[in-house]
């Protein structure tokens, strides 16, 4: 038995050694996230090589998610690294590089004065400080009033929740990082500050230009525009991340829980994996155990139906990275044992008769229903494109899902998908031989035993490797 809800852990100074990476994998990490807002290409390559080395040693298929920085807006250097913004005071904000003072802040976004309008809010350091735009010269300087002040230090992140930001989601830095990423064995790329499906299509076009048809895209939902365009974004992308940090600054905080549930439901219906991220176990960056509120938050994300939960600073810079994973896994085990997270086909999620893939979707749907009806231990699928894995997972069967594929890259990509474990398999000969092989592999690895029931999905004839069109029920000899 293994966790169905997957764990994504960010690698950083606290976890970038082989010893810790190996311990994290053994504790239950399914995907490692590399944050390209920090670190050099050489440092990221060293971590990528270590992850693959650990995978080889442990015979695991832990995936790698490269998270692009996107158009991150920040303050520049601050005088003496500490200035006071006084509530009620009027100050200037400029895009001309300089050291910020209490009278004039330098902001790194070149189009700031062009994009903002009077009345727009400027939020600094996750919303701790708020300014309101009074006027702009449209070129390089904005006059603003401090609404909530305090002591500000250098390079704090800045959000513009009321402003249509014209900067593209893919910055020159992202494009440079992407060229590096595509030379490495990375399985998912996360695009930050997605606003429309066009942002995804641009990244998709770059992957195709590089003749890369296997690296999959995660759209990070952080902006109000993304919520407005969520259906088309889900359709265009391979997966979604609910990035609650910036999202919770860009939209009213009280809206985030409902948005999270809405996005998860839409992703399940679209058979697209969804990650819940930010502050899941933040107190464990220092403390050896989480708060009760954090445990409840994690449990609720699992109950919502998230494919994966992500840790950021907890494993990147925290002092208890392995203990965090142990705690995460304990919560997942308990919720999956007792929680109402299964059988989405009974909760309004079913195949769309108008879909061009309706017939194979319906096979996957009924395979999951049958597996639950007969108490099957496993559902198996064979895939070339990966589609069967996503579709079977979306119905959230109680059975474990085992996917067999000829594509080595997908072994690691599937590590992000709820309930799925993948195996490399190339001996697609006769139907009986292949199904016997699969049964034997799962027995040898301890996933099945004599007397267990299993549901097998396949494409007939096997050698054509077409869309799934067959269900077979089998009892393990």
Protein backbone atom coordinates (compact mmCIF):
# COMPACT_ATOMS: atom_id res chain seq x y z
CA UNK A 1 0.00 0.00 0.00
CA UNK A 2 1.30 3.46 -0.86
CA UNK A 3 0.02 7.01 -0.50
CA UNK A 4 -2.31 8.06 -3.27
CA UNK A 5 -1.89 11.79 -2.58
CA UNK A 6 1.58 12.78 -3.74
CA UNK A 7 4.20 14.88 -1.93
CA UNK A 8 6.22 17.63 -3.64
CA UNK A 9 9.26 18.92 -1.73
CA UNK A 10 11.33 21.99 -2.60
CA UNK A 11 15.10 21.51 -2.60
CA UNK A 12 17.24 24.21 -0.98
CA UNK A 13 20.23 24.66 1.33
CA UNK A 14 18.65 22.36 3.95
CA UNK A 15 18.10 19.50 1.51
CA UNK A 16 20.54 19.71 -1.43
CA UNK A 17 22.90 16.97 -0.27
CA UNK A 18 22.67 13.38 -1.44
CA UNK A 19 22.16 12.14 2.11
CA UNK A 20 19.12 14.36 2.73
CA UNK A 21 17.64 13.82 -0.77
CA UNK A 22 17.86 10.07 -0.22
CA UNK A 23 16.25 10.37 3.23
CA UNK A 24 13.44 12.46 1.77
CA UNK A 25 12.75 9.89 -0.95
CA UNK A 26 12.69 7.09 1.64
CA UNK A 27 10.34 9.19 3.78
CA UNK A 28 7.87 9.54 0.89
CA UNK A 29 8.73 12.42 -1.47
CA UNK A 30 7.29 11.82 -4.96
CA UNK A 31 8.50 14.97 -6.76
CA UNK A 32 11.31 17.43 -6.04
CA UNK A 33 10.76 21.11 -6.91
CA UNK A 34 13.66 23.28 -8.03
CA UNK A 35 12.95 26.98 -7.49
CA UNK A 36 14.54 28.98 -10.31
CA UNK A 37 14.00 32.22 -8.40
CA UNK A 38 17.19 31.19 -6.59
CA UNK A 39 20.42 29.43 -7.44
CA UNK A 40 22.72 29.08 -10.44
CA UNK A 41 22.35 26.63 -13.30
CA UNK A 42 25.41 24.77 -11.99
CA UNK A 43 23.79 24.40 -8.57
CA UNK A 44 20.51 23.18 -10.08
CA UNK A 45 22.34 20.70 -12.30
CA UNK A 46 24.14 19.27 -9.29
CA UNK A 47 20.79 18.68 -7.55
CA UNK A 48 19.22 17.17 -10.70
CA UNK A 49 22.14 14.74 -10.98
CA UNK A 50 21.82 13.79 -7.30
CA UNK A 51 18.08 13.08 -7.68
CA UNK A 52 18.70 10.80 -10.66
CA UNK A 53 21.55 9.11 -8.80
CA UNK A 54 19.27 8.42 -5.82
CA UNK A 55 16.52 7.16 -8.16
CA UNK A 56 18.98 4.70 -9.70
CA UNK A 57 20.18 3.47 -6.31
CA UNK A 58 16.70 3.05 -4.82
CA UNK A 59 14.96 1.93 -8.04
CA UNK A 60 12.47 4.81 -7.63
CA UNK A 61 10.97 7.23 -10.14
CA UNK A 62 10.83 10.49 -8.19
CA UNK A 63 9.99 13.33 -10.57
CA UNK A 64 11.56 16.79 -10.96
CA UNK A 65 9.54 20.02 -11.23
CA UNK A 66 11.40 23.14 -12.43
CA UNK A 67 9.59 26.26 -11.20
CA UNK A 68 10.27 29.33 -13.35
CA UNK A 69 10.46 32.67 -11.55
CA UNK A 70 8.19 34.65 -13.88
CA UNK A 71 7.81 38.45 -13.77
CA UNK A 72 8.51 38.81 -10.06
CA UNK A 73 8.20 42.45 -8.98
CA UNK A 74 10.45 43.53 -6.12
CA UNK A 75 11.78 46.57 -4.32
CA UNK A 76 15.45 47.26 -4.95
CA UNK A 77 18.08 47.85 -2.30
CA UNK A 78 16.85 49.84 0.70
CA UNK A 79 18.94 52.47 2.48
CA UNK A 80 20.68 50.77 5.42
CA UNK A 81 18.38 47.79 4.65
CA UNK A 82 15.73 49.45 6.82
CA UNK A 83 13.42 52.37 6.11
CA UNK A 84 10.11 53.38 7.67
CA UNK A 85 7.05 53.92 5.54
CA UNK A 86 4.82 56.28 7.52
CA UNK A 87 1.07 55.83 7.19
CA UNK A 88 -0.59 58.88 5.57
CA UNK A 89 2.63 60.10 3.98
CA UNK A 90 2.93 60.67 0.20
CA UNK A 91 6.04 59.20 -1.46
CA UNK A 92 7.36 58.52 -4.96
CA UNK A 93 7.87 55.10 -6.52
CA UNK A 94 10.32 55.05 -9.41
CA UNK A 95 11.60 52.55 -11.95
CA UNK A 96 14.93 54.37 -12.24
CA UNK A 97 17.54 52.18 -10.47
CA UNK A 98 18.65 53.67 -7.17
CA UNK A 99 18.76 52.96 -3.44
CA UNK A 100 15.29 53.30 -1.92
CA UNK A 101 14.66 55.83 0.83
CA UNK A 102 11.67 56.71 2.98
CA UNK A 103 10.77 59.37 0.38
CA UNK A 104 11.34 57.40 -2.83
CA UNK A 105 11.14 53.64 -3.48
CA UNK A 106 12.78 51.92 -6.43
CA UNK A 107 10.73 49.09 -7.95
CA UNK A 108 12.26 46.60 -10.41
CA UNK A 109 9.32 46.40 -12.84
CA UNK A 110 10.11 48.71 -15.79
CA UNK A 111 6.48 49.08 -16.93
CA UNK A 112 5.17 49.94 -13.46
CA UNK A 113 4.40 53.62 -14.15
CA UNK A 114 2.79 52.70 -17.47
CA UNK A 115 0.54 49.95 -16.06
CA UNK A 116 -0.82 51.43 -12.83
CA UNK A 117 -3.72 53.86 -12.52
CA UNK A 118 -4.82 56.21 -9.72
CA UNK A 119 -6.54 54.22 -6.98
CA UNK A 120 -4.57 51.00 -7.66
CA UNK A 121 -3.05 49.32 -4.61
CA UNK A 122 0.64 48.51 -4.28
CA UNK A 123 1.26 45.72 -1.75
CA UNK A 124 4.75 45.03 -0.40
CA UNK A 125 6.11 41.97 1.44
CA UNK A 126 3.05 39.70 1.10
CA UNK A 127 0.70 42.60 1.80
CA UNK A 128 2.27 43.72 5.09
CA UNK A 129 2.55 47.23 3.64
CA UNK A 130 -0.03 48.92 1.43
CA UNK A 131 0.24 52.02 -0.74
CA UNK A 132 -2.38 53.58 -3.02
CA UNK A 133 -1.49 55.22 -6.34
CA UNK A 134 -2.34 58.95 -6.50
CA UNK A 135 -0.90 59.72 -9.94
CA UNK A 136 1.60 58.49 -12.53
CA UNK A 137 3.64 60.17 -15.24
CA UNK A 138 3.24 57.03 -17.34
CA UNK A 139 7.01 56.73 -17.81
CA UNK A 140 9.05 56.15 -14.68
CA UNK A 141 7.52 57.78 -11.60
CA UNK A 142 4.37 57.20 -9.54
CA UNK A 143 3.10 59.24 -6.61
CA UNK A 144 1.51 57.07 -3.89
CA UNK A 145 0.08 57.40 -0.39
CA UNK A 146 1.12 55.02 2.38
CA UNK A 147 -1.99 53.33 3.80
CA UNK A 148 -0.34 50.75 6.09
CA UNK A 149 3.28 51.45 6.93
CA UNK A 150 6.14 50.02 8.93
CA UNK A 151 9.80 49.06 8.61
CA UNK A 152 10.71 47.77 5.14
CA UNK A 153 13.93 46.00 4.11
CA UNK A 154 15.57 45.33 0.73
CA UNK A 155 14.22 43.26 -2.18
CA UNK A 156 10.78 42.59 -0.78
CA UNK A 157 8.21 41.19 -3.21
CA UNK A 158 5.57 43.57 -4.54
CA UNK A 159 2.06 42.78 -5.79
CA UNK A 160 -0.30 44.84 -7.93
CA UNK A 161 -3.71 43.22 -7.39
CA UNK A 162 -5.72 45.97 -9.13
CA UNK A 163 -3.37 46.41 -12.08
CA UNK A 164 -3.33 44.74 -15.48
CA UNK A 165 0.37 43.83 -15.61
CA UNK A 166 1.56 43.90 -19.22
CA UNK A 167 4.80 41.98 -18.66
CA UNK A 168 4.76 38.52 -20.31
CA UNK A 169 4.67 35.47 -18.03
CA UNK A 170 7.89 34.27 -19.65
CA UNK A 171 10.67 36.75 -18.91
CA UNK A 172 14.13 36.79 -20.55
CA UNK A 173 15.45 35.08 -17.41
CA UNK A 174 12.78 32.37 -17.71
CA UNK A 175 13.69 31.74 -21.35
CA UNK A 176 17.35 31.38 -20.42
CA UNK A 177 16.42 29.04 -17.55
CA UNK A 178 14.12 27.05 -19.84
CA UNK A 179 16.94 26.43 -22.33
CA UNK A 180 18.97 24.98 -19.48
CA UNK A 181 16.03 22.94 -18.13
CA UNK A 182 15.30 21.33 -21.49
CA UNK A 183 18.86 20.00 -21.67
CA UNK A 184 18.37 18.20 -18.37
CA UNK A 185 16.10 15.29 -17.37
CA UNK A 186 13.31 17.45 -15.91
CA UNK A 187 9.74 16.20 -16.08
CA UNK A 188 7.53 19.20 -15.27
CA UNK A 189 7.95 22.96 -15.80
CA UNK A 190 5.88 25.40 -13.73
CA UNK A 191 4.98 28.75 -15.32
CA UNK A 192 4.52 31.56 -12.81
CA UNK A 193 1.87 34.31 -12.87
CA UNK A 194 -0.21 32.74 -15.63
CA UNK A 195 -3.07 35.01 -16.68
CA UNK A 196 -4.53 33.42 -19.82
CA UNK A 197 -4.25 30.25 -21.88
CA UNK A 198 -2.03 32.22 -24.29
CA UNK A 199 0.71 32.18 -21.65
CA UNK A 200 0.60 28.38 -21.67
CA UNK A 201 0.52 28.22 -25.46
CA UNK A 202 3.63 30.37 -25.69
CA UNK A 203 5.54 28.02 -23.38
CA UNK A 204 4.13 25.01 -25.27
CA UNK A 205 5.40 26.53 -28.52
CA UNK A 206 8.90 26.86 -27.07
CA UNK A 207 8.87 23.21 -25.98
CA UNK A 208 7.76 22.12 -29.46
CA UNK A 209 10.41 24.33 -31.08
CA UNK A 210 12.99 22.45 -29.02
CA UNK A 211 11.37 19.19 -30.19
CA UNK A 212 10.39 18.40 -26.61
CA UNK A 213 7.07 16.56 -26.46
CA UNK A 214 7.42 14.91 -23.05
CA UNK A 215 8.11 17.70 -20.53
CA UNK A 216 4.76 18.71 -19.08
CA UNK A 217 3.52 22.14 -18.03
CA UNK A 218 2.13 23.28 -14.68
CA UNK A 219 0.21 26.58 -14.67
CA UNK A 220 0.63 28.45 -11.38
CA UNK A 221 -2.57 30.24 -10.35
CA UNK A 222 -1.51 33.45 -8.61
CA UNK A 223 -3.38 36.31 -10.30
CA UNK A 224 -7.05 37.42 -10.38
CA UNK A 225 -6.97 37.18 -14.20
CA UNK A 226 -6.10 33.48 -13.90
CA UNK A 227 -9.26 32.87 -11.87
CA UNK A 228 -11.32 34.67 -14.52
CA UNK A 229 -9.77 32.49 -17.27
CA UNK A 230 -9.43 29.28 -15.27
CA UNK A 231 -11.40 26.98 -17.62
CA UNK A 232 -9.32 27.83 -20.68
CA UNK A 233 -6.09 27.68 -18.66
CA UNK A 234 -6.96 24.18 -17.38
CA UNK A 235 -7.76 23.10 -20.92
CA UNK A 236 -4.42 24.42 -22.25
CA UNK A 237 -2.10 23.13 -19.52
CA UNK A 238 -1.04 19.67 -18.28
CA UNK A 239 -1.51 20.50 -14.61
CA UNK A 240 -2.30 23.29 -12.14
CA UNK A 241 -0.65 24.65 -9.00
CA UNK A 242 -2.78 26.65 -6.58
CA UNK A 243 0.00 28.98 -5.41
CA UNK A 244 -1.72 30.37 -2.35
CA UNK A 245 1.11 32.75 -1.40
CA UNK A 246 0.76 35.35 -4.15
CA UNK A 247 -2.87 34.40 -4.79
CA UNK A 248 -3.70 35.29 -1.18
CA UNK A 249 -2.17 38.74 -1.70
CA UNK A 250 -3.69 39.36 -5.13
CA UNK A 251 -7.26 38.44 -4.08
CA UNK A 252 -9.04 38.87 -0.73
CA UNK A 253 -7.77 36.17 1.64
CA UNK A 254 -11.26 34.97 2.50
CA UNK A 255 -11.82 33.96 -1.15
CA UNK A 256 -8.80 31.63 -1.35
CA UNK A 257 -10.35 28.50 0.31
CA UNK A 258 -13.36 28.53 -2.04
CA UNK A 259 -11.10 29.19 -5.04
CA UNK A 260 -8.93 26.24 -4.01
CA UNK A 261 -11.91 23.89 -3.88
CA UNK A 262 -13.28 25.22 -7.18
CA UNK A 263 -9.95 24.73 -8.97
CA UNK A 264 -9.47 21.21 -7.57
CA UNK A 265 -12.95 20.18 -8.72
CA UNK A 266 -12.39 21.58 -12.21
CA UNK A 267 -9.01 19.84 -12.50
CA UNK A 268 -10.46 16.47 -11.46
CA UNK A 269 -13.23 16.86 -14.06
CA UNK A 270 -10.63 17.71 -16.71
CA UNK A 271 -8.30 14.86 -15.65
CA UNK A 272 -5.49 17.33 -14.95
CA UNK A 273 -3.35 16.98 -11.80
CA UNK A 274 -3.56 19.80 -9.26
CA UNK A 275 -1.02 20.79 -6.59
CA UNK A 276 -1.88 22.77 -3.44
CA UNK A 277 1.06 24.92 -2.34
CA UNK A 278 2.22 27.46 0.27
CA UNK A 279 2.32 27.50 4.06
CA UNK A 280 1.16 23.91 4.48
CA UNK A 281 3.59 23.22 7.32
CA UNK A 282 5.31 26.58 7.69
CA UNK A 283 5.68 26.38 11.47
CA UNK A 284 7.85 23.26 10.97
CA UNK A 285 10.57 25.41 9.43
CA UNK A 286 11.52 25.85 13.09
CA UNK A 287 9.29 23.64 15.22
CA UNK A 288 9.42 19.82 15.35
CA UNK A 289 5.64 19.54 14.97
CA UNK A 290 2.96 21.47 13.04
CA UNK A 291 0.10 23.54 14.40
CA UNK A 292 -3.36 22.00 14.60
CA UNK A 293 -4.50 24.49 11.96
CA UNK A 294 -1.79 23.28 9.56
CA UNK A 295 -2.75 19.64 10.07
CA UNK A 296 -6.37 20.54 9.31
CA UNK A 297 -5.32 22.52 6.23
CA UNK A 298 -3.35 19.57 4.87
CA UNK A 299 -6.21 17.17 5.62
CA UNK A 300 -8.73 19.45 3.91
CA UNK A 301 -6.58 19.67 0.76
CA UNK A 302 -6.54 15.86 0.63
CA UNK A 303 -10.29 15.71 1.23
CA UNK A 304 -10.79 18.27 -1.57
CA UNK A 305 -9.11 15.76 -3.89
CA UNK A 306 -5.73 17.38 -4.61
CA UNK A 307 -3.30 15.20 -6.54
CA UNK A 308 -0.31 16.58 -4.65
CA UNK A 309 0.64 18.80 -1.72
CA UNK A 310 3.75 20.95 -1.91
CA UNK A 311 6.27 22.06 0.69
CA UNK A 312 8.43 25.14 0.07
CA UNK A 313 10.62 26.61 2.81
CA UNK A 314 9.80 23.68 5.08
CA UNK A 315 12.16 21.40 3.13
CA UNK A 316 14.27 24.05 1.37
CA UNK A 317 15.52 26.00 4.38
CA UNK A 318 13.79 24.52 7.44
CA UNK A 319 15.61 22.62 10.16
CA UNK A 320 13.38 19.50 10.04
CA UNK A 321 13.05 18.57 6.33
CA UNK A 322 12.71 14.81 6.79
CA UNK A 323 10.48 15.12 9.85
CA UNK A 324 8.14 17.35 7.81
CA UNK A 325 7.74 14.59 5.22
CA UNK A 326 7.12 12.01 7.95
CA UNK A 327 4.38 14.25 9.37
CA UNK A 328 2.89 14.90 5.94
CA UNK A 329 2.76 11.21 5.20
CA UNK A 330 1.11 10.39 8.53
CA UNK A 331 -1.67 12.89 7.82
CA UNK A 332 -2.13 11.56 4.28
CA UNK A 333 -2.31 7.97 5.54
CA UNK A 334 -4.96 8.83 8.11
CA UNK A 335 -7.16 10.84 5.74
CA UNK A 336 -6.90 8.26 2.94
CA UNK A 337 -7.87 5.56 5.40
CA UNK A 338 -10.92 7.38 6.72
CA UNK A 339 -11.70 10.22 4.34
CA UNK A 340 -14.38 10.49 1.69
CA UNK A 341 -11.96 11.05 -1.18
CA UNK A 342 -12.77 8.17 -3.51
CA UNK A 343 -15.19 7.29 -6.31
CA UNK A 344 -15.52 10.66 -8.03
CA UNK A 345 -17.77 8.99 -10.62
CA UNK A 346 -20.45 8.99 -7.91
CA UNK A 347 -20.00 12.73 -7.38
CA UNK A 348 -20.88 14.01 -10.83
CA UNK A 349 -17.56 13.31 -12.55
CA UNK A 350 -17.98 11.20 -15.66
CA UNK A 351 -16.86 11.02 -19.30
CA UNK A 352 -18.10 13.67 -21.73
CA UNK A 353 -20.05 12.11 -24.63
CA UNK A 354 -18.98 15.03 -26.85
CA UNK A 355 -15.28 14.43 -26.25
CA UNK A 356 -13.26 12.93 -29.12
CA UNK A 357 -11.81 10.50 -26.55
CA UNK A 358 -15.21 9.54 -25.13
CA UNK A 359 -14.94 5.81 -25.87
CA UNK A 360 -11.59 5.35 -24.11
CA UNK A 361 -12.68 7.74 -21.34
CA UNK A 362 -15.76 5.59 -20.79
CA UNK A 363 -13.59 2.46 -20.57
CA UNK A 364 -11.50 4.11 -17.83
CA UNK A 365 -14.64 5.29 -16.05
CA UNK A 366 -16.20 1.84 -16.02
CA UNK A 367 -12.90 0.18 -15.08
CA UNK A 368 -12.89 2.30 -11.91
CA UNK A 369 -16.53 1.56 -11.14
CA UNK A 370 -15.97 -2.17 -11.63
CA UNK A 371 -12.81 -2.16 -9.51
CA UNK A 372 -14.70 -0.61 -6.60
CA UNK A 373 -17.69 -2.93 -7.08
CA UNK A 374 -15.54 -6.09 -6.92
CA UNK A 375 -13.03 -4.82 -4.36
CA UNK A 376 -10.13 -5.04 -6.81
CA UNK A 377 -6.65 -4.54 -5.41
CA UNK A 378 -5.34 -2.98 -8.61
CA UNK A 379 -6.27 -1.32 -11.87
CA UNK A 380 -3.65 -1.55 -14.61
CA UNK A 381 -3.28 0.49 -17.76
CA UNK A 382 -0.91 0.57 -20.71
CA UNK A 383 -0.08 3.90 -22.29
CA UNK A 384 2.15 5.53 -24.88
CA UNK A 385 0.91 9.11 -24.51
CA UNK A 386 0.21 8.98 -20.78
CA UNK A 387 -3.46 9.80 -21.25
CA UNK A 388 -4.76 6.60 -19.60
CA UNK A 389 -2.87 7.39 -16.39
CA UNK A 390 -4.44 10.85 -16.09
CA UNK A 391 -7.93 9.57 -16.89
CA UNK A 392 -7.94 6.56 -14.52
CA UNK A 393 -6.59 8.75 -11.72
CA UNK A 394 -9.29 11.39 -12.21
CA UNK A 395 -12.04 8.94 -11.16
CA UNK A 396 -10.24 8.37 -7.83
CA UNK A 397 -10.78 4.59 -7.49
CA UNK A 398 -10.03 2.85 -4.19
CA UNK A 399 -7.77 0.43 -6.07
CA UNK A 400 -4.11 1.22 -6.66
CA UNK A 401 -3.37 2.29 -10.24
CA UNK A 402 -0.39 0.70 -12.02
CA UNK A 403 0.60 2.10 -15.40
CA UNK A 404 2.91 0.36 -17.86
CA UNK A 405 4.61 2.47 -20.53
CA UNK A 406 7.40 2.32 -23.09
CA UNK A 407 8.36 5.93 -22.30
CA UNK A 408 11.01 6.16 -19.55
CA UNK A 409 10.36 9.89 -19.08
CA UNK A 410 6.75 9.24 -18.06
CA UNK A 411 7.84 6.94 -15.23
CA UNK A 412 8.89 10.08 -13.37
CA UNK A 413 6.13 12.36 -14.72
CA UNK A 414 3.45 10.05 -13.33
CA UNK A 415 4.92 10.51 -9.84
CA UNK A 416 2.80 13.66 -9.61
CA UNK A 417 -0.52 11.98 -10.46
CA UNK A 418 -2.84 10.83 -7.67
CA UNK A 419 -2.76 7.09 -7.00
CA UNK A 420 -0.47 6.16 -9.90
CA UNK A 421 2.70 4.04 -9.88
CA UNK A 422 4.45 3.45 -13.21
CA UNK A 423 6.64 0.72 -14.72
CA UNK A 424 8.71 0.54 -17.87
CA UNK A 425 7.40 -2.16 -20.19
CA UNK A 426 8.15 -2.94 -23.84
CA UNK A 427 7.12 -6.58 -24.37
CA UNK A 428 3.74 -5.90 -25.94
CA UNK A 429 3.21 -9.23 -27.73
CA UNK A 430 0.04 -11.28 -27.36
CA UNK A 431 -2.74 -10.15 -25.07
CA UNK A 432 -2.46 -13.14 -22.74
CA UNK A 433 1.34 -12.95 -22.50
CA UNK A 434 1.30 -9.24 -21.75
CA UNK A 435 -1.41 -9.51 -19.10
CA UNK A 436 0.40 -12.45 -17.46
CA UNK A 437 3.65 -10.44 -17.49
CA UNK A 438 1.98 -7.49 -15.80
CA UNK A 439 0.44 -9.71 -13.14
CA UNK A 440 3.81 -11.34 -12.49
CA UNK A 441 5.62 -7.99 -12.21
CA UNK A 442 3.12 -6.73 -9.63
CA UNK A 443 3.35 -9.98 -7.66
CA UNK A 444 7.15 -9.88 -7.59
CA UNK A 445 7.09 -6.30 -6.32
CA UNK A 446 4.64 -7.23 -3.57
CA UNK A 447 1.69 -5.21 -4.85
CA UNK A 448 -0.47 -8.29 -5.52
CA UNK A 449 -0.83 -11.72 -3.98
CA UNK A 450 -2.70 -14.88 -4.87
CA UNK A 451 -6.46 -14.39 -4.80
CA UNK A 452 -6.37 -10.61 -5.34
CA UNK A 453 -8.72 -9.24 -7.97
CA UNK A 454 -7.49 -6.82 -10.60
CA UNK A 455 -9.01 -4.84 -13.46
CA UNK A 456 -6.91 -4.59 -16.61
CA UNK A 457 -7.42 -1.87 -19.22
CA UNK A 458 -5.73 -2.16 -22.60
CA UNK A 459 -5.86 -1.32 -26.29
CA UNK A 460 -6.59 -4.18 -28.65
CA UNK A 461 -4.68 -5.19 -30.66
CA UNK A 462 -1.77 -4.43 -28.32
CA UNK A 463 0.84 -4.02 -31.05
CA UNK A 464 -1.04 -1.04 -32.49
CA UNK A 465 -0.87 0.80 -29.14
CA UNK A 466 -4.02 2.79 -29.83
CA UNK A 467 -6.54 4.23 -27.40
CA UNK A 468 -7.82 2.16 -24.50
CA UNK A 469 -10.75 0.02 -25.66
CA UNK A 470 -10.74 -3.09 -23.43
CA UNK A 471 -11.49 -4.10 -19.84
CA UNK A 472 -10.60 -7.48 -18.39
CA UNK A 473 -11.22 -8.73 -14.83
CA UNK A 474 -8.66 -11.14 -13.48
CA UNK A 475 -8.00 -13.04 -10.25
CA UNK A 476 -4.31 -13.45 -9.39
CA UNK A 477 -3.28 -17.11 -9.60
